[in-house]
Amino acid sequence: MLAQQMPSIVNGVPPLPMEVHQSMTQSTTPAPEARNRAQRRGNDPDRLVTAAELAARWGVSRAHIYNLLDRGLPSVQIGRCRRFRLRETDAWLDAEDFRKAAS
């Protein structure tokens, strides 16, 4: 029905075949192996993340992450970018919680 409503040529360009149009407009979900890769990557403790990703993980602002650098939050400088290794930041956070509980 859509093909009947569409003009045969718009601005000199013929319409797409209906199968192509439907395949382009249907929502797609990632393949299972792509989802698995993303899940594995998210759980990798040696993964380097941005300040925004770490802030989302901890539920704080990105500015707070940069403020925590002054308190010793471990990070890696790569050129002008700063990245955080999940294993090191999680260990640092656990040690900070322990220090607060001990004092």
Foldseek 3Di string as FASTA:
>chain_A
DVVVVDDQADPNHGDDPPVVVVVVPDDDDDDPVVVVVVVVQVPDQQHWDALCVVCVVVVHDSVVSVVCVVVPQDWDCDPPGIIHRNNRNVVVVVVVVVVVVVD
